[in-house]
């Protein structure tokens, strides 16, 4: 039993670390390029898939606590770079 519990703790720790790395990677990308990842560029697909998965988790209320706040800040950052039609 102890070994299984330790493995679960290790896995969750690894998942948290991976989530943080992806978050930081996407955040830096958005700051540098002033846009979110594109589906039209192959090199950005990994980041786009991560964004889509986390949006889905946010909608079904499975993102908890700090992850929810961080992801919402990332979405807000991306939306801050959206252009507004000046002629509308």
N, C-alpha and C. Protein backbone atom coordinates (compact mmCIF):
# COMPACT_ATOMS: atom_id res chain seq x y z
N UNK A 1 0.82 -1.20 0.00
CA UNK A 1 0.00 0.00 0.00
C UNK A 1 0.86 1.26 0.00
N UNK A 2 1.89 1.28 0.82
CA UNK A 2 2.75 2.47 0.91
C UNK A 2 3.38 2.80 -0.44
N UNK A 3 3.85 1.77 -1.14
CA UNK A 3 4.51 2.00 -2.42
C UNK A 3 3.54 2.61 -3.44
N UNK A 4 2.31 2.11 -3.46
CA UNK A 4 1.30 2.64 -4.38
C UNK A 4 0.99 4.11 -4.05
N UNK A 5 0.88 4.43 -2.78
CA UNK A 5 0.62 5.81 -2.37
C UNK A 5 1.78 6.71 -2.76
N UNK A 6 3.01 6.22 -2.55
CA UNK A 6 4.19 7.01 -2.93
C UNK A 6 4.23 7.25 -4.43
N UNK A 7 3.86 6.22 -5.21
CA UNK A 7 3.85 6.38 -6.67
C UNK A 7 2.82 7.42 -7.09
N UNK A 8 1.66 7.39 -6.44
CA UNK A 8 0.64 8.37 -6.77
C UNK A 8 1.09 9.78 -6.44
N UNK A 9 1.77 9.95 -5.31
CA UNK A 9 2.28 11.26 -4.92
C UNK A 9 3.35 11.70 -5.92
N UNK A 10 4.22 10.79 -6.32
CA UNK A 10 5.26 11.13 -7.29
C UNK A 10 4.64 11.53 -8.62
N UNK A 11 3.62 10.77 -9.06
CA UNK A 11 2.96 11.08 -10.33
C UNK A 11 2.29 12.45 -10.28
N UNK A 12 1.60 12.72 -9.19
CA UNK A 12 0.93 14.03 -9.10
C UNK A 12 1.95 15.15 -9.05
N UNK A 13 3.08 14.92 -8.39
CA UNK A 13 4.14 15.92 -8.36
C UNK A 13 4.72 16.15 -9.73
N UNK A 14 4.90 15.08 -10.48
CA UNK A 14 5.43 15.18 -11.84
C UNK A 14 4.43 15.90 -12.73
N UNK A 15 3.15 15.57 -12.56
CA UNK A 15 2.11 16.24 -13.36
C UNK A 15 2.06 17.73 -13.07
N UNK A 16 2.19 18.09 -11.81
CA UNK A 16 2.21 19.51 -11.45
C UNK A 16 3.39 20.22 -12.10
N UNK A 17 4.54 19.56 -12.07
CA UNK A 17 5.74 20.12 -12.67
C UNK A 17 5.58 20.28 -14.17
N UNK A 18 5.03 19.25 -14.82
CA UNK A 18 4.80 19.32 -16.26
C UNK A 18 3.81 20.43 -16.62
N UNK A 19 2.75 20.55 -15.82
CA UNK A 19 1.75 21.59 -16.07
C UNK A 19 2.40 22.97 -15.96
N UNK A 20 3.23 23.15 -14.93
CA UNK A 20 3.91 24.44 -14.74
C UNK A 20 4.86 24.75 -15.88
N UNK A 21 5.57 23.74 -16.36
CA UNK A 21 6.48 23.95 -17.48
C UNK A 21 5.73 24.37 -18.74
N UNK A 22 4.63 23.68 -19.03
CA UNK A 22 3.83 24.02 -20.21
C UNK A 22 3.25 25.43 -20.06
N UNK A 23 2.77 25.74 -18.87
CA UNK A 23 2.21 27.06 -18.61
C UNK A 23 3.25 28.14 -18.88
N UNK A 24 4.45 27.95 -18.34
CA UNK A 24 5.52 28.94 -18.54
C UNK A 24 5.91 29.04 -20.00
N UNK A 25 5.93 27.91 -20.71
CA UNK A 25 6.28 27.91 -22.12
C UNK A 25 5.24 28.71 -22.92
N UNK A 26 3.96 28.48 -22.65
CA UNK A 26 2.90 29.19 -23.37
C UNK A 26 2.90 30.67 -23.00
N UNK A 27 3.11 30.97 -21.72
CA UNK A 27 3.15 32.37 -21.27
C UNK A 27 4.25 33.14 -22.01
N UNK A 28 5.45 32.56 -22.07
CA UNK A 28 6.57 33.22 -22.77
C UNK A 28 6.25 33.40 -24.25
N UNK A 29 5.63 32.37 -24.85
CA UNK A 29 5.26 32.44 -26.26
C UNK A 29 4.30 33.61 -26.51
N UNK A 30 3.29 33.73 -25.66
CA UNK A 30 2.29 34.79 -25.82
C UNK A 30 2.92 36.16 -25.62
N UNK A 31 3.81 36.30 -24.64
CA UNK A 31 4.48 37.58 -24.42
C UNK A 31 5.35 37.98 -25.60
N UNK A 32 6.03 37.00 -26.20
CA UNK A 32 6.93 37.31 -27.30
C UNK A 32 6.18 37.58 -28.60
N UNK A 33 5.11 36.82 -28.86
CA UNK A 33 4.43 36.89 -30.16
C UNK A 33 3.13 37.68 -30.14
N UNK A 34 2.69 38.10 -28.96
CA UNK A 34 1.46 38.88 -28.82
C UNK A 34 0.25 38.19 -29.43
N UNK A 35 0.17 36.87 -29.27
CA UNK A 35 -0.96 36.07 -29.75
C UNK A 35 -0.88 34.70 -29.11
N UNK A 36 -1.97 33.98 -29.21
CA UNK A 36 -1.99 32.61 -28.72
C UNK A 36 -1.42 31.67 -29.75
N UNK A 37 -1.20 30.41 -29.38
CA UNK A 37 -0.69 29.42 -30.34
C UNK A 37 -1.68 29.21 -31.49
N UNK A 38 -1.15 28.99 -32.68
CA UNK A 38 -1.97 28.87 -33.88
C UNK A 38 -2.11 27.41 -34.30
N UNK A 39 -3.27 27.08 -34.85
CA UNK A 39 -3.46 25.73 -35.37
C UNK A 39 -2.83 25.58 -36.75
N UNK A 40 -2.42 26.68 -37.35
CA UNK A 40 -1.85 26.65 -38.70
C UNK A 40 -0.34 26.46 -38.72
N UNK A 41 0.27 26.47 -37.56
CA UNK A 41 1.73 26.28 -37.49
C UNK A 41 2.03 25.02 -36.69
N UNK A 42 2.66 24.08 -37.34
CA UNK A 42 2.91 22.76 -36.76
C UNK A 42 3.70 22.87 -35.45
N UNK A 43 4.67 23.75 -35.39
CA UNK A 43 5.52 23.86 -34.20
C UNK A 43 4.76 24.38 -32.98
N UNK A 44 3.57 24.92 -33.19
CA UNK A 44 2.77 25.45 -32.08
C UNK A 44 1.65 24.50 -31.64
N UNK A 45 1.50 23.37 -32.30
CA UNK A 45 0.40 22.45 -32.01
C UNK A 45 0.43 21.93 -30.59
N UNK A 46 1.61 21.65 -30.06
CA UNK A 46 1.72 21.12 -28.70
C UNK A 46 1.14 22.12 -27.69
N UNK A 47 1.50 23.38 -27.86
CA UNK A 47 0.98 24.42 -26.96
C UNK A 47 -0.52 24.61 -27.16
N UNK A 48 -0.98 24.55 -28.41
CA UNK A 48 -2.39 24.72 -28.70
C UNK A 48 -3.21 23.59 -28.07
N UNK A 49 -2.73 22.37 -28.18
CA UNK A 49 -3.44 21.23 -27.58
C UNK A 49 -3.50 21.36 -26.07
N UNK A 50 -2.43 21.84 -25.46
CA UNK A 50 -2.43 22.06 -24.01
C UNK A 50 -3.47 23.11 -23.64
N UNK A 51 -3.54 24.18 -24.42
CA UNK A 51 -4.52 25.24 -24.17
C UNK A 51 -5.95 24.70 -24.30
N UNK A 52 -6.21 23.94 -25.37
CA UNK A 52 -7.55 23.41 -25.59
C UNK A 52 -7.96 22.47 -24.46
N UNK A 53 -7.04 21.61 -24.03
CA UNK A 53 -7.34 20.67 -22.95
C UNK A 53 -7.67 21.42 -21.66
N UNK A 54 -6.88 22.44 -21.34
CA UNK A 54 -7.11 23.17 -20.10
C UNK A 54 -8.37 24.04 -20.17
N UNK A 55 -8.72 24.54 -21.34
CA UNK A 55 -9.99 25.25 -21.49
C UNK A 55 -11.16 24.31 -21.21
N UNK A 56 -11.02 23.08 -21.74
CA UNK A 56 -12.07 22.09 -21.52
C UNK A 56 -12.20 21.76 -20.03
N UNK A 57 -11.06 21.59 -19.35
CA UNK A 57 -11.08 21.31 -17.91
C UNK A 57 -11.66 22.48 -17.12
N UNK A 58 -11.40 23.69 -17.57
CA UNK A 58 -11.94 24.88 -16.92
C UNK A 58 -13.46 24.92 -17.05
N UNK A 59 -13.96 24.57 -18.24
CA UNK A 59 -15.39 24.60 -18.48
C UNK A 59 -16.14 23.56 -17.64
N UNK A 60 -15.55 22.39 -17.44
CA UNK A 60 -16.22 21.36 -16.65
C UNK A 60 -15.84 21.46 -15.18
N UNK A 61 -15.16 22.55 -14.82
CA UNK A 61 -14.83 22.87 -13.43
C UNK A 61 -13.89 21.85 -12.79
N UNK A 62 -12.91 21.36 -13.57
CA UNK A 62 -11.93 20.42 -13.03
C UNK A 62 -10.58 21.05 -12.73
N UNK A 63 -10.38 22.30 -13.14
CA UNK A 63 -9.17 23.01 -12.76
C UNK A 63 -9.40 23.62 -11.39
N UNK A 64 -8.52 23.35 -10.48
CA UNK A 64 -8.71 23.78 -9.10
C UNK A 64 -7.67 24.82 -8.69
N UNK A 65 -8.07 25.69 -7.82
CA UNK A 65 -7.18 26.61 -7.12
C UNK A 65 -6.23 27.41 -7.97
N UNK A 66 -4.95 27.22 -7.70
CA UNK A 66 -3.90 28.02 -8.34
C UNK A 66 -3.87 27.81 -9.84
N UNK A 67 -4.09 26.57 -10.29
CA UNK A 67 -4.09 26.30 -11.73
C UNK A 67 -5.19 27.10 -12.42
N UNK A 68 -6.35 27.15 -11.80
CA UNK A 68 -7.48 27.88 -12.37
C UNK A 68 -7.14 29.36 -12.53
N UNK A 69 -6.58 29.95 -11.48
CA UNK A 69 -6.22 31.37 -11.51
C UNK A 69 -5.15 31.64 -12.55
N UNK A 70 -4.11 30.80 -12.58
CA UNK A 70 -3.02 30.99 -13.54
C UNK A 70 -3.52 30.88 -14.97
N UNK A 71 -4.34 29.85 -15.22
CA UNK A 71 -4.83 29.65 -16.58
C UNK A 71 -5.73 30.80 -17.00
N UNK A 72 -6.54 31.30 -16.09
CA UNK A 72 -7.42 32.44 -16.41
C UNK A 72 -6.59 33.68 -16.73
N UNK A 73 -5.48 33.89 -16.01
CA UNK A 73 -4.59 35.01 -16.32
C UNK A 73 -3.99 34.86 -17.72
N UNK A 74 -3.64 33.63 -18.07
CA UNK A 74 -3.08 33.36 -19.40
C UNK A 74 -4.11 33.66 -20.48
N UNK A 75 -5.34 33.23 -20.29
CA UNK A 75 -6.41 33.49 -21.25
C UNK A 75 -6.65 35.00 -21.36
N UNK A 76 -6.64 35.69 -20.23
CA UNK A 76 -6.83 37.14 -20.25
C UNK A 76 -5.69 37.84 -20.99
N UNK A 77 -4.46 37.35 -20.81
CA UNK A 77 -3.32 37.92 -21.53
C UNK A 77 -3.50 37.75 -23.03
N UNK A 78 -3.92 36.57 -23.46
CA UNK A 78 -4.13 36.33 -24.89
C UNK A 78 -5.22 37.25 -25.43
N UNK A 79 -6.31 37.40 -24.67
CA UNK A 79 -7.40 38.26 -25.12
C UNK A 79 -7.00 39.73 -25.15
N UNK A 80 -6.03 40.11 -24.34
CA UNK A 80 -5.61 41.52 -24.34
C UNK A 80 -4.93 41.90 -25.65
N UNK A 81 -4.46 40.91 -26.40
CA UNK A 81 -3.79 41.19 -27.67
C UNK A 81 -4.74 41.12 -28.87
N UNK A 82 -6.02 40.79 -28.63
CA UNK A 82 -6.97 40.74 -29.74
C UNK A 82 -7.19 42.14 -30.29
N UNK A 83 -7.27 42.20 -31.58
CA UNK A 83 -7.47 43.49 -32.22
C UNK A 83 -8.95 43.83 -32.29
N UNK A 84 -9.24 45.10 -32.22
CA UNK A 84 -10.61 45.57 -32.32
C UNK A 84 -10.77 46.27 -33.67
N UNK A 85 -11.85 45.97 -34.35
CA UNK A 85 -12.11 46.58 -35.64
C UNK A 85 -12.40 48.07 -35.43
N UNK A 86 -11.53 48.92 -35.94
CA UNK A 86 -11.68 50.36 -35.74
C UNK A 86 -12.81 50.96 -36.55
N UNK A 87 -13.31 50.22 -37.53
CA UNK A 87 -14.35 50.75 -38.42
C UNK A 87 -15.74 50.29 -38.01
N UNK A 88 -15.84 49.45 -37.03
CA UNK A 88 -17.16 48.90 -36.64
C UNK A 88 -17.92 49.86 -35.76
